[in-house]
């Protein structure tokens, strides 16, 4: 059996944190390794506890969610960040997505859907509402100087669907080693650190249009 997904819960309301912890700890494949109440403590706790997924509130006193995302990126954290927000306007979550969030859910999300979202983000999927994807693509220009081969674009397209190297290899009839080589080349050309960032970059800049 695989190790449980380690989650850090970040919210300034103790009752919310406790509620999330109580539900998530009931999941066989998810364990809450810690809590934080603001952006800076989120960055510190992530460095100490090394969670797989950070469940992050956006609006917190002092250092908020976007600041936390920037701090995590500066520290080179490998944790995936799932924003949980009360904002229903897609525009409100754009700064968080641009700062590196792999997706977001609303605070009124059904508990099973929240657990599913955590599993999806951990697996490398990008959870963006279509409206957010369109706003990102419209608001950011195509990068200059990035040239992907036809095969690299195919692999990037599969990455954007959240597929693993094994799934990509099967879909494109390639070896996993070849897929890994293409993924490394894509990350290098795009100047990003991991496959989630590559997928987000592709959506934001319209590389797959």
N, C-alpha and C. Protein backbone atom coordinates (compact mmCIF):
# COMPACT_ATOMS: atom_id res chain seq x y z
N UNK A 1 0.85 -1.20 0.00
CA UNK A 1 0.00 0.00 0.00
C UNK A 1 0.88 1.25 0.00
N UNK A 2 0.51 2.24 -0.83
CA UNK A 2 1.29 3.46 -0.92
C UNK A 2 1.19 4.26 0.37
N UNK A 3 2.21 5.06 0.62
CA UNK A 3 2.19 5.93 1.80
C UNK A 3 1.03 6.92 1.67
N UNK A 4 0.40 7.31 2.78
CA UNK A 4 -0.69 8.29 2.71
C UNK A 4 -0.18 9.65 2.25
N UNK A 5 -1.07 10.40 1.64
CA UNK A 5 -0.75 11.75 1.19
C UNK A 5 -0.66 12.66 2.41
N UNK A 6 0.48 13.31 2.58
CA UNK A 6 0.68 14.19 3.73
C UNK A 6 0.16 15.59 3.40
N UNK A 7 -0.75 16.07 4.22
CA UNK A 7 -1.41 17.36 3.97
C UNK A 7 -1.14 18.34 5.10
N UNK A 8 -0.83 19.58 4.72
CA UNK A 8 -0.73 20.69 5.67
C UNK A 8 -1.96 21.57 5.48
N UNK A 9 -2.71 21.81 6.55
CA UNK A 9 -3.92 22.62 6.49
C UNK A 9 -3.60 24.05 6.94
N UNK A 10 -3.89 25.02 6.08
CA UNK A 10 -3.55 26.41 6.37
C UNK A 10 -4.81 27.27 6.31
N UNK A 11 -5.23 27.78 7.46
CA UNK A 11 -6.42 28.64 7.55
C UNK A 11 -6.32 29.41 8.86
N UNK A 12 -6.78 30.65 8.87
CA UNK A 12 -6.65 31.45 10.09
C UNK A 12 -7.75 31.15 11.11
N UNK A 13 -8.73 30.36 10.75
CA UNK A 13 -9.81 30.03 11.68
C UNK A 13 -9.58 28.64 12.27
N UNK A 14 -9.35 28.54 13.59
CA UNK A 14 -9.11 27.24 14.23
C UNK A 14 -10.23 26.23 13.99
N UNK A 15 -11.47 26.71 13.99
CA UNK A 15 -12.59 25.80 13.80
C UNK A 15 -12.56 25.17 12.40
N UNK A 16 -12.19 25.97 11.41
CA UNK A 16 -12.08 25.46 10.04
C UNK A 16 -10.97 24.43 9.96
N UNK A 17 -9.81 24.76 10.55
CA UNK A 17 -8.69 23.81 10.52
C UNK A 17 -9.07 22.49 11.18
N UNK A 18 -9.75 22.58 12.32
CA UNK A 18 -10.13 21.37 13.04
C UNK A 18 -11.13 20.54 12.23
N UNK A 19 -12.07 21.23 11.59
CA UNK A 19 -13.04 20.51 10.78
C UNK A 19 -12.40 19.79 9.61
N UNK A 20 -11.47 20.48 8.95
CA UNK A 20 -10.76 19.86 7.84
C UNK A 20 -9.92 18.68 8.31
N UNK A 21 -9.23 18.86 9.41
CA UNK A 21 -8.39 17.78 9.95
C UNK A 21 -9.25 16.57 10.32
N UNK A 22 -10.37 16.81 10.98
CA UNK A 22 -11.24 15.71 11.41
C UNK A 22 -11.70 14.88 10.22
N UNK A 23 -12.12 15.57 9.15
CA UNK A 23 -12.58 14.83 7.97
C UNK A 23 -11.43 14.13 7.26
N UNK A 24 -10.35 14.85 7.02
CA UNK A 24 -9.25 14.27 6.24
C UNK A 24 -8.60 13.10 6.95
N UNK A 25 -8.55 13.16 8.27
CA UNK A 25 -7.94 12.05 9.01
C UNK A 25 -8.78 10.77 8.96
N UNK A 26 -10.01 10.88 8.47
CA UNK A 26 -10.85 9.70 8.30
C UNK A 26 -10.51 8.95 7.00
N UNK A 27 -9.76 9.62 6.11
CA UNK A 27 -9.40 9.01 4.84
C UNK A 27 -8.20 8.09 5.02
N UNK A 28 -8.30 6.89 4.48
CA UNK A 28 -7.23 5.92 4.64
C UNK A 28 -5.93 6.36 3.95
N UNK A 29 -6.06 7.14 2.88
CA UNK A 29 -4.88 7.49 2.08
C UNK A 29 -4.43 8.93 2.27
N UNK A 30 -4.97 9.61 3.29
CA UNK A 30 -4.61 11.01 3.55
C UNK A 30 -4.33 11.18 5.04
N UNK A 31 -3.27 11.89 5.37
CA UNK A 31 -2.99 12.19 6.77
C UNK A 31 -2.59 13.66 6.91
N UNK A 32 -3.14 14.33 7.91
CA UNK A 32 -2.80 15.73 8.17
C UNK A 32 -1.56 15.77 9.05
N UNK A 33 -0.49 16.35 8.52
CA UNK A 33 0.78 16.38 9.26
C UNK A 33 0.98 17.66 10.06
N UNK A 34 0.11 18.66 9.82
CA UNK A 34 0.27 19.90 10.57
C UNK A 34 -0.74 20.95 10.15
N UNK A 35 -0.72 22.07 10.88
CA UNK A 35 -1.61 23.19 10.60
C UNK A 35 -0.82 24.48 10.67
N UNK A 36 -1.34 25.50 9.98
CA UNK A 36 -0.74 26.83 10.03
C UNK A 36 -1.86 27.85 9.92
N UNK A 37 -1.62 29.05 10.48
CA UNK A 37 -2.68 30.05 10.55
C UNK A 37 -2.44 31.28 9.68
N UNK A 38 -1.28 31.36 9.02
CA UNK A 38 -1.02 32.48 8.13
C UNK A 38 0.06 32.08 7.13
N UNK A 39 0.34 32.99 6.19
CA UNK A 39 1.26 32.67 5.12
C UNK A 39 2.66 32.32 5.56
N UNK A 40 3.21 33.10 6.48
CA UNK A 40 4.58 32.84 6.91
C UNK A 40 4.71 31.53 7.67
N UNK A 41 3.74 31.25 8.53
CA UNK A 41 3.79 29.98 9.26
C UNK A 41 3.58 28.80 8.31
N UNK A 42 2.85 29.03 7.21
CA UNK A 42 2.69 28.02 6.18
C UNK A 42 4.04 27.69 5.55
N UNK A 43 4.78 28.71 5.18
CA UNK A 43 6.11 28.52 4.57
C UNK A 43 7.03 27.79 5.54
N UNK A 44 7.02 28.21 6.79
CA UNK A 44 7.89 27.59 7.80
C UNK A 44 7.50 26.13 8.04
N UNK A 45 6.18 25.88 8.17
CA UNK A 45 5.71 24.52 8.44
C UNK A 45 5.98 23.59 7.25
N UNK A 46 5.87 24.13 6.03
CA UNK A 46 6.14 23.32 4.85
C UNK A 46 7.60 22.90 4.80
N UNK A 47 8.49 23.82 5.14
CA UNK A 47 9.91 23.50 5.16
C UNK A 47 10.22 22.43 6.21
N UNK A 48 9.51 22.49 7.34
CA UNK A 48 9.79 21.55 8.44
C UNK A 48 9.12 20.20 8.22
N UNK A 49 7.86 20.20 7.78
CA UNK A 49 7.06 18.98 7.73
C UNK A 49 7.08 18.29 6.35
N UNK A 50 7.44 19.02 5.33
CA UNK A 50 7.50 18.51 3.96
C UNK A 50 6.22 17.78 3.54
N UNK A 51 5.09 18.47 3.56
CA UNK A 51 3.84 17.83 3.14
C UNK A 51 3.85 17.60 1.62
N UNK A 52 3.00 16.69 1.18
CA UNK A 52 2.83 16.48 -0.26
C UNK A 52 1.90 17.53 -0.85
N UNK A 53 0.89 17.89 -0.06
CA UNK A 53 -0.11 18.86 -0.52
C UNK A 53 -0.36 19.89 0.58
N UNK A 54 -0.41 21.15 0.19
CA UNK A 54 -0.77 22.24 1.11
C UNK A 54 -2.18 22.69 0.75
N UNK A 55 -3.09 22.57 1.71
CA UNK A 55 -4.47 23.04 1.54
C UNK A 55 -4.51 24.46 2.09
N UNK A 56 -4.59 25.43 1.20
CA UNK A 56 -4.27 26.82 1.54
C UNK A 56 -5.45 27.77 1.38
N UNK A 57 -5.79 28.46 2.47
CA UNK A 57 -6.77 29.54 2.42
C UNK A 57 -6.09 30.76 1.79
N UNK A 58 -6.87 31.55 1.05
CA UNK A 58 -6.28 32.73 0.40
C UNK A 58 -6.25 33.95 1.31
N UNK A 59 -7.35 34.19 2.01
CA UNK A 59 -7.48 35.42 2.78
C UNK A 59 -7.20 35.16 4.25
N UNK A 60 -6.03 35.64 4.70
CA UNK A 60 -5.63 35.48 6.10
C UNK A 60 -4.99 36.78 6.57
N UNK A 61 -5.10 37.10 7.85
CA UNK A 61 -4.48 38.32 8.37
C UNK A 61 -2.96 38.28 8.16
N UNK A 62 -2.39 39.44 7.93
CA UNK A 62 -0.94 39.50 7.75
C UNK A 62 -0.53 38.92 6.42
N UNK A 63 0.28 37.89 6.47
CA UNK A 63 0.77 37.24 5.26
C UNK A 63 -0.27 36.23 4.77
N UNK A 64 -0.85 36.50 3.60
CA UNK A 64 -1.94 35.67 3.10
C UNK A 64 -1.48 34.55 2.19
N UNK A 65 -2.46 33.98 1.46
CA UNK A 65 -2.19 32.82 0.65
C UNK A 65 -1.24 33.06 -0.52
N UNK A 66 -1.42 34.18 -1.22
CA UNK A 66 -0.55 34.47 -2.36
C UNK A 66 0.89 34.67 -1.90
N UNK A 67 1.06 35.36 -0.78
CA UNK A 67 2.41 35.55 -0.23
C UNK A 67 3.02 34.20 0.15
N UNK A 68 2.19 33.31 0.69
CA UNK A 68 2.68 31.98 1.05
C UNK A 68 3.14 31.22 -0.19
N UNK A 69 2.36 31.30 -1.26
CA UNK A 69 2.73 30.63 -2.50
C UNK A 69 4.07 31.14 -3.03
N UNK A 70 4.25 32.45 -2.97
CA UNK A 70 5.52 33.01 -3.44
C UNK A 70 6.68 32.54 -2.57
N UNK A 71 6.43 32.48 -1.25
CA UNK A 71 7.47 32.00 -0.35
C UNK A 71 7.82 30.54 -0.60
N UNK A 72 6.82 29.73 -0.86
CA UNK A 72 7.06 28.31 -1.15
C UNK A 72 7.86 28.17 -2.43
N UNK A 73 7.55 28.98 -3.42
CA UNK A 73 8.27 28.90 -4.69
C UNK A 73 9.72 29.33 -4.51
N UNK A 74 9.91 30.39 -3.74
CA UNK A 74 11.28 30.87 -3.50
C UNK A 74 12.10 29.83 -2.75
N UNK A 75 11.45 29.05 -1.89
CA UNK A 75 12.15 28.01 -1.13
C UNK A 75 12.34 26.72 -1.92
N UNK A 76 11.78 26.69 -3.13
CA UNK A 76 11.91 25.48 -3.94
C UNK A 76 11.08 24.32 -3.43
N UNK A 77 9.98 24.61 -2.75
CA UNK A 77 9.14 23.54 -2.20
C UNK A 77 8.53 22.69 -3.31
N UNK A 78 8.52 21.39 -3.09
CA UNK A 78 7.92 20.46 -4.05
C UNK A 78 6.46 20.19 -3.76
N UNK A 79 5.93 20.76 -2.68
CA UNK A 79 4.54 20.50 -2.30
C UNK A 79 3.58 21.07 -3.34
N UNK A 80 2.52 20.33 -3.64
CA UNK A 80 1.46 20.84 -4.50
C UNK A 80 0.54 21.68 -3.62
N UNK A 81 0.03 22.78 -4.17
CA UNK A 81 -0.82 23.67 -3.39
C UNK A 81 -2.23 23.68 -3.96
N UNK A 82 -3.20 23.31 -3.13
CA UNK A 82 -4.61 23.37 -3.48
C UNK A 82 -5.24 24.49 -2.67
N UNK A 83 -5.67 25.52 -3.34
CA UNK A 83 -6.29 26.66 -2.67
C UNK A 83 -7.74 26.31 -2.33
N UNK A 84 -8.13 26.64 -1.11
CA UNK A 84 -9.53 26.48 -0.71
C UNK A 84 -10.04 27.87 -0.34
N UNK A 85 -11.03 28.35 -1.07
CA UNK A 85 -11.39 29.76 -0.98
C UNK A 85 -12.90 29.97 -0.91
N UNK A 86 -13.28 31.11 -0.33
CA UNK A 86 -14.69 31.50 -0.31
C UNK A 86 -15.01 32.42 -1.49
N UNK A 87 -13.97 32.84 -2.23
CA UNK A 87 -14.19 33.69 -3.40
C UNK A 87 -14.81 32.88 -4.52
N UNK A 88 -15.92 33.36 -5.09
CA UNK A 88 -16.56 32.64 -6.19
C UNK A 88 -16.25 33.28 -7.54
N UNK A 89 -15.63 34.45 -7.54
CA UNK A 89 -15.25 35.11 -8.79
C UNK A 89 -13.91 34.53 -9.26
N UNK A 90 -13.86 33.93 -10.45
CA UNK A 90 -12.60 33.35 -10.93
C UNK A 90 -11.44 34.33 -10.93
N UNK A 91 -11.74 35.63 -11.15
CA UNK A 91 -10.68 36.63 -11.19
C UNK A 91 -9.93 36.68 -9.85
N UNK A 92 -10.65 36.41 -8.75
CA UNK A 92 -10.06 36.51 -7.42
C UNK A 92 -8.96 35.48 -7.19
N UNK A 93 -9.02 34.36 -7.91
CA UNK A 93 -8.01 33.31 -7.69
C UNK A 93 -6.86 33.39 -8.68
N UNK A 94 -6.94 34.29 -9.65
CA UNK A 94 -5.87 34.40 -10.65
C UNK A 94 -4.49 34.63 -10.03
N UNK A 95 -4.36 35.56 -9.05
CA UNK A 95 -3.03 35.77 -8.47
C UNK A 95 -2.46 34.50 -7.86
N UNK A 96 -3.31 33.69 -7.25
CA UNK A 96 -2.84 32.45 -6.64
C UNK A 96 -2.37 31.45 -7.69
N UNK A 97 -3.11 31.33 -8.78
CA UNK A 97 -2.73 30.41 -9.85
C UNK A 97 -1.43 30.88 -10.49
N UNK A 98 -1.32 32.17 -10.72
CA UNK A 98 -0.09 32.71 -11.29
C UNK A 98 1.10 32.49 -10.36
N UNK A 99 0.83 32.46 -9.05
CA UNK A 99 1.92 32.27 -8.08
C UNK A 99 2.29 30.80 -7.89
N UNK A 100 1.54 29.90 -8.55
CA UNK A 100 1.95 28.50 -8.51
C UNK A 100 0.96 27.51 -7.96
N UNK A 101 -0.27 27.94 -7.60
CA UNK A 101 -1.26 26.99 -7.12
C UNK A 101 -1.62 26.01 -8.23
N UNK A 102 -1.78 24.75 -7.87
CA UNK A 102 -2.12 23.72 -8.86
C UNK A 102 -3.62 23.64 -9.10
N UNK A 103 -4.39 24.35 -8.31
CA UNK A 103 -5.83 24.35 -8.49
C UNK A 103 -6.52 24.96 -7.28
N UNK A 104 -7.85 24.98 -7.33
CA UNK A 104 -8.58 25.54 -6.20
C UNK A 104 -9.95 24.90 -6.10
N UNK A 105 -10.49 24.92 -4.88
CA UNK A 105 -11.86 24.49 -4.61
C UNK A 105 -12.51 25.53 -3.73
N UNK A 106 -13.83 25.53 -3.71
CA UNK A 106 -14.55 26.47 -2.86
C UNK A 106 -14.77 25.87 -1.48
N UNK A 107 -14.93 26.74 -0.49
CA UNK A 107 -15.07 26.28 0.89
C UNK A 107 -16.35 25.50 1.14
N UNK A 108 -17.32 25.63 0.24
CA UNK A 108 -18.54 24.86 0.43
C UNK A 108 -18.49 23.53 -0.33
N UNK A 109 -17.30 23.13 -0.75
CA UNK A 109 -17.13 21.88 -1.49
C UNK A 109 -17.57 20.70 -0.62
N UNK A 110 -18.18 19.72 -1.25
CA UNK A 110 -18.55 18.50 -0.52
C UNK A 110 -17.28 17.81 -0.04
N UNK A 111 -17.27 17.29 1.19
CA UNK A 111 -16.07 16.63 1.71
C UNK A 111 -15.47 15.57 0.78
N UNK A 112 -16.28 14.67 0.21
CA UNK A 112 -15.67 13.68 -0.70
C UNK A 112 -15.00 14.33 -1.91
N UNK A 113 -15.58 15.45 -2.40
CA UNK A 113 -14.98 16.15 -3.54
C UNK A 113 -13.66 16.80 -3.14
N UNK A 114 -13.58 17.27 -1.90
CA UNK A 114 -12.33 17.85 -1.41
C UNK A 114 -11.23 16.78 -1.35
N UNK A 115 -11.56 15.63 -0.82
CA UNK A 115 -10.59 14.54 -0.77
C UNK A 115 -10.15 14.14 -2.17
N UNK A 116 -11.10 14.10 -3.10
CA UNK A 116 -10.77 13.75 -4.49
C UNK A 116 -9.85 14.80 -5.11
N UNK A 117 -10.08 16.07 -4.78
CA UNK A 117 -9.24 17.15 -5.31
C UNK A 117 -7.82 17.04 -4.77
N UNK A 118 -7.69 16.71 -3.50
CA UNK A 118 -6.36 16.54 -2.90
C UNK A 118 -5.63 15.39 -3.60
N UNK A 119 -6.33 14.30 -3.84
CA UNK A 119 -5.71 13.16 -4.53
C UNK A 119 -5.31 13.55 -5.95
N UNK A 120 -6.16 14.31 -6.63
CA UNK A 120 -5.88 14.69 -8.01
C UNK A 120 -4.66 15.60 -8.10
N UNK A 121 -4.58 16.60 -7.22
CA UNK A 121 -3.44 17.51 -7.22
C UNK A 121 -2.16 16.75 -6.90
N UNK A 122 -2.25 15.85 -5.93
CA UNK A 122 -1.07 15.05 -5.56
C UNK A 122 -0.59 14.21 -6.73
N UNK A 123 -1.52 13.75 -7.56
CA UNK A 123 -1.18 12.91 -8.71
C UNK A 123 -0.66 13.72 -9.89
N UNK A 124 -0.67 15.06 -9.75
CA UNK A 124 -0.13 15.90 -10.82
C UNK A 124 -1.16 16.57 -11.70
N UNK A 125 -2.43 16.42 -11.36
CA UNK A 125 -3.48 17.06 -12.15
C UNK A 125 -3.55 18.55 -11.83
N UNK A 126 -4.03 19.32 -12.78
CA UNK A 126 -4.22 20.76 -12.61
C UNK A 126 -5.72 21.01 -12.57
N UNK A 127 -6.20 21.57 -11.47
CA UNK A 127 -7.63 21.78 -11.28
C UNK A 127 -7.98 23.26 -11.48
N UNK A 128 -8.27 23.61 -12.73
CA UNK A 128 -8.64 24.98 -13.05
C UNK A 128 -10.02 25.02 -13.67
N UNK A 129 -10.85 25.94 -13.19
CA UNK A 129 -12.13 26.16 -13.83
C UNK A 129 -11.87 26.70 -15.24
N UNK A 130 -12.65 26.29 -16.24
CA UNK A 130 -12.43 26.77 -17.61
C UNK A 130 -12.36 28.30 -17.72
N UNK A 131 -13.15 29.01 -16.89
CA UNK A 131 -13.11 30.47 -16.93
C UNK A 131 -11.74 31.00 -16.53
N UNK A 132 -11.13 30.35 -15.52
CA UNK A 132 -9.80 30.77 -15.08
C UNK A 132 -8.77 30.49 -16.16
N UNK A 133 -8.86 29.33 -16.80
CA UNK A 133 -7.92 28.99 -17.88
C UNK A 133 -8.02 30.01 -19.01
N UNK A 134 -9.23 30.40 -19.35
CA UNK A 134 -9.41 31.39 -20.43
C UNK A 134 -8.84 32.74 -20.04
N UNK A 135 -9.08 33.15 -18.79
CA UNK A 135 -8.55 34.44 -18.34
C UNK A 135 -7.02 34.44 -18.36
N UNK A 136 -6.43 33.32 -17.95
CA UNK A 136 -4.97 33.23 -17.96
C UNK A 136 -4.43 33.29 -19.38
N UNK A 137 -5.06 32.55 -20.27
CA UNK A 137 -4.60 32.52 -21.65
C UNK A 137 -4.75 33.89 -22.31
N UNK A 138 -5.82 34.61 -21.96
CA UNK A 138 -6.06 35.92 -22.55
C UNK A 138 -5.15 36.99 -21.98
N UNK A 139 -4.75 36.79 -20.72
CA UNK A 139 -4.00 37.84 -20.04
C UNK A 139 -2.50 37.76 -20.15
N UNK A 140 -1.99 36.65 -20.68
CA UNK A 140 -0.54 36.49 -20.75
C UNK A 140 -0.13 36.13 -22.17
N UNK A 141 0.88 36.81 -22.65
CA UNK A 141 1.31 36.65 -24.03
C UNK A 141 2.07 35.35 -24.24
N UNK A 142 2.06 34.88 -25.49
CA UNK A 142 2.86 33.71 -25.86
C UNK A 142 4.34 34.02 -25.61
N UNK A 143 5.07 33.18 -24.91
CA UNK A 143 6.47 33.46 -24.64
C UNK A 143 7.32 33.40 -25.90
N UNK A 144 8.28 34.29 -25.99
CA UNK A 144 9.18 34.31 -27.13
C UNK A 144 10.36 33.38 -26.86
N UNK A 145 10.89 32.81 -27.93
CA UNK A 145 12.10 32.01 -27.79
C UNK A 145 11.88 30.60 -27.30
N UNK A 146 10.61 30.18 -27.11
CA UNK A 146 10.33 28.80 -26.69
C UNK A 146 9.92 28.00 -27.91
N UNK A 147 10.73 27.02 -28.27
CA UNK A 147 10.40 26.18 -29.42
C UNK A 147 10.37 24.73 -28.97
N UNK A 148 9.17 24.17 -29.00
CA UNK A 148 9.01 22.75 -28.67
C UNK A 148 8.84 21.97 -29.96
N UNK A 149 9.44 20.79 -30.00
CA UNK A 149 9.24 19.92 -31.15
C UNK A 149 7.80 19.41 -31.14
N UNK A 150 7.40 18.84 -32.26
CA UNK A 150 6.05 18.28 -32.34
C UNK A 150 5.80 17.24 -31.27
N UNK A 151 6.78 16.37 -31.05
CA UNK A 151 6.64 15.33 -30.04
C UNK A 151 6.57 15.93 -28.63
N UNK A 152 7.39 16.96 -28.38
CA UNK A 152 7.37 17.61 -27.07
C UNK A 152 6.01 18.26 -26.81
N UNK A 153 5.41 18.83 -27.86
CA UNK A 153 4.08 19.43 -27.70
C UNK A 153 3.04 18.36 -27.37
N UNK A 154 3.20 17.18 -27.99
CA UNK A 154 2.29 16.08 -27.69
C UNK A 154 2.43 15.64 -26.24
N UNK A 155 3.68 15.54 -25.78
CA UNK A 155 3.92 15.14 -24.39
C UNK A 155 3.39 16.22 -23.44
N UNK A 156 3.61 17.48 -23.77
CA UNK A 156 3.12 18.57 -22.92
C UNK A 156 1.59 18.55 -22.86
N UNK A 157 0.96 18.25 -23.98
CA UNK A 157 -0.50 18.15 -23.99
C UNK A 157 -0.98 17.06 -23.04
N UNK A 158 -0.27 15.95 -23.02
CA UNK A 158 -0.61 14.87 -22.09
C UNK A 158 -0.35 15.29 -20.64
N UNK A 159 0.75 16.01 -20.42
CA UNK A 159 1.05 16.52 -19.07
C UNK A 159 -0.08 17.41 -18.58
N UNK A 160 -0.58 18.26 -19.46
CA UNK A 160 -1.64 19.20 -19.09
C UNK A 160 -2.92 18.48 -18.70
N UNK A 161 -3.05 17.22 -19.14
CA UNK A 161 -4.20 16.40 -18.75
C UNK A 161 -3.94 15.64 -17.45
N UNK A 162 -2.76 15.86 -16.87
CA UNK A 162 -2.44 15.25 -15.60
C UNK A 162 -2.00 13.81 -15.70
N UNK A 163 -1.55 13.37 -16.87
CA UNK A 163 -1.18 11.97 -17.05
C UNK A 163 0.25 11.68 -16.60
N UNK A 164 0.45 10.49 -16.11
CA UNK A 164 1.76 10.06 -15.64
C UNK A 164 2.64 9.68 -16.83
N UNK A 165 3.94 9.50 -16.58
CA UNK A 165 4.84 9.07 -17.66
C UNK A 165 4.38 7.76 -18.28
N UNK A 166 3.93 6.83 -17.44
CA UNK A 166 3.48 5.54 -17.94
C UNK A 166 2.26 5.70 -18.85
N UNK A 167 1.32 6.55 -18.44
CA UNK A 167 0.12 6.78 -19.24
C UNK A 167 0.47 7.47 -20.56
N UNK A 168 1.41 8.42 -20.49
CA UNK A 168 1.84 9.12 -21.70
C UNK A 168 2.51 8.15 -22.66
N UNK A 169 3.38 7.31 -22.11
CA UNK A 169 4.08 6.32 -22.94
C UNK A 169 3.09 5.42 -23.66
N UNK A 170 2.07 4.98 -22.96
CA UNK A 170 1.06 4.10 -23.57
C UNK A 170 0.27 4.84 -24.64
N UNK A 171 -0.10 6.10 -24.35
CA UNK A 171 -0.90 6.88 -25.28
C UNK A 171 -0.15 7.20 -26.57
N UNK A 172 1.15 7.53 -26.43
CA UNK A 172 1.95 7.95 -27.59
C UNK A 172 2.80 6.83 -28.17
N UNK A 173 2.66 5.64 -27.60
CA UNK A 173 3.43 4.47 -28.05
C UNK A 173 4.93 4.76 -27.98
N UNK A 174 5.37 5.14 -26.79
CA UNK A 174 6.77 5.41 -26.53
C UNK A 174 7.20 4.63 -25.30
N UNK A 175 8.50 4.54 -25.08
CA UNK A 175 8.99 3.95 -23.83
C UNK A 175 8.91 5.00 -22.74
N UNK A 176 8.81 4.55 -21.48
CA UNK A 176 8.79 5.50 -20.37
C UNK A 176 10.08 6.31 -20.32
N UNK A 177 11.20 5.67 -20.68
CA UNK A 177 12.48 6.38 -20.68
C UNK A 177 12.46 7.53 -21.69
N UNK A 178 11.88 7.29 -22.85
CA UNK A 178 11.79 8.35 -23.86
C UNK A 178 10.89 9.48 -23.38
N UNK A 179 9.78 9.12 -22.76
CA UNK A 179 8.88 10.14 -22.22
C UNK A 179 9.59 10.99 -21.18
N UNK A 180 10.35 10.33 -20.31
CA UNK A 180 11.09 11.04 -19.28
C UNK A 180 12.08 12.02 -19.90
N UNK A 181 12.73 11.61 -20.98
CA UNK A 181 13.67 12.50 -21.68
C UNK A 181 12.94 13.72 -22.24
N UNK A 182 11.77 13.49 -22.85
CA UNK A 182 10.99 14.60 -23.40
C UNK A 182 10.52 15.54 -22.29
N UNK A 183 10.08 14.99 -21.17
CA UNK A 183 9.62 15.82 -20.05
C UNK A 183 10.77 16.70 -19.54
N UNK A 184 11.95 16.12 -19.41
CA UNK A 184 13.11 16.90 -18.96
C UNK A 184 13.40 18.04 -19.93
N UNK A 185 13.31 17.76 -21.23
CA UNK A 185 13.57 18.80 -22.23
C UNK A 185 12.52 19.91 -22.15
N UNK A 186 11.26 19.51 -21.94
CA UNK A 186 10.18 20.49 -21.83
C UNK A 186 10.39 21.40 -20.63
N UNK A 187 10.72 20.82 -19.48
CA UNK A 187 10.94 21.62 -18.27
C UNK A 187 12.08 22.60 -18.49
N UNK A 188 13.14 22.14 -19.15
CA UNK A 188 14.29 23.00 -19.40
C UNK A 188 13.93 24.15 -20.33
N UNK A 189 13.22 23.85 -21.40
CA UNK A 189 12.87 24.88 -22.37
C UNK A 189 11.90 25.92 -21.79
N UNK A 190 10.98 25.45 -20.95
CA UNK A 190 10.00 26.36 -20.37
C UNK A 190 10.53 27.08 -19.14
N UNK A 191 11.66 26.60 -18.61
CA UNK A 191 12.23 27.23 -17.43
C UNK A 191 11.42 27.01 -16.17
N UNK A 192 10.82 25.80 -16.05
CA UNK A 192 10.02 25.47 -14.87
C UNK A 192 10.63 24.27 -14.17
N UNK A 193 10.18 24.02 -12.92
CA UNK A 193 10.82 23.02 -12.08
C UNK A 193 10.16 21.65 -12.12
N UNK A 194 8.85 21.59 -12.39
CA UNK A 194 8.19 20.30 -12.37
C UNK A 194 7.06 20.25 -13.38
N UNK A 195 6.46 19.09 -13.52
CA UNK A 195 5.45 18.85 -14.55
C UNK A 195 4.17 19.66 -14.29
N UNK A 196 3.83 19.89 -13.03
CA UNK A 196 2.66 20.71 -12.74
C UNK A 196 2.86 22.13 -13.23
N UNK A 197 4.04 22.69 -12.96
CA UNK A 197 4.33 24.04 -13.44
C UNK A 197 4.34 24.08 -14.96
N UNK A 198 4.82 23.03 -15.60
CA UNK A 198 4.82 22.98 -17.07
C UNK A 198 3.39 23.00 -17.60
N UNK A 199 2.50 22.22 -16.97
CA UNK A 199 1.11 22.17 -17.41
C UNK A 199 0.44 23.53 -17.22
N UNK A 200 0.67 24.16 -16.07
CA UNK A 200 0.11 25.49 -15.83
C UNK A 200 0.65 26.50 -16.82
N UNK A 201 1.94 26.42 -17.09
CA UNK A 201 2.58 27.34 -18.04
C UNK A 201 1.94 27.20 -19.42
N UNK A 202 1.69 25.97 -19.82
CA UNK A 202 1.07 25.72 -21.13
C UNK A 202 -0.32 26.34 -21.22
N UNK A 203 -1.09 26.19 -20.13
CA UNK A 203 -2.44 26.76 -20.11
C UNK A 203 -2.38 28.29 -20.13
N UNK A 204 -1.49 28.83 -19.30
CA UNK A 204 -1.41 30.29 -19.17
C UNK A 204 -0.99 30.97 -20.45
N UNK A 205 -0.06 30.39 -21.15
CA UNK A 205 0.54 31.06 -22.31
C UNK A 205 -0.02 30.64 -23.64
N UNK A 206 -0.96 29.71 -23.61
CA UNK A 206 -1.57 29.29 -24.88
C UNK A 206 -0.68 28.41 -25.73
N UNK A 207 0.31 27.77 -25.15
CA UNK A 207 1.23 26.93 -25.92
C UNK A 207 0.50 25.78 -26.62
N UNK A 208 -0.64 25.38 -26.07
CA UNK A 208 -1.33 24.23 -26.63
C UNK A 208 -2.51 24.63 -27.52
N UNK A 209 -2.64 25.91 -27.79
CA UNK A 209 -3.76 26.36 -28.65
C UNK A 209 -3.54 25.88 -30.08
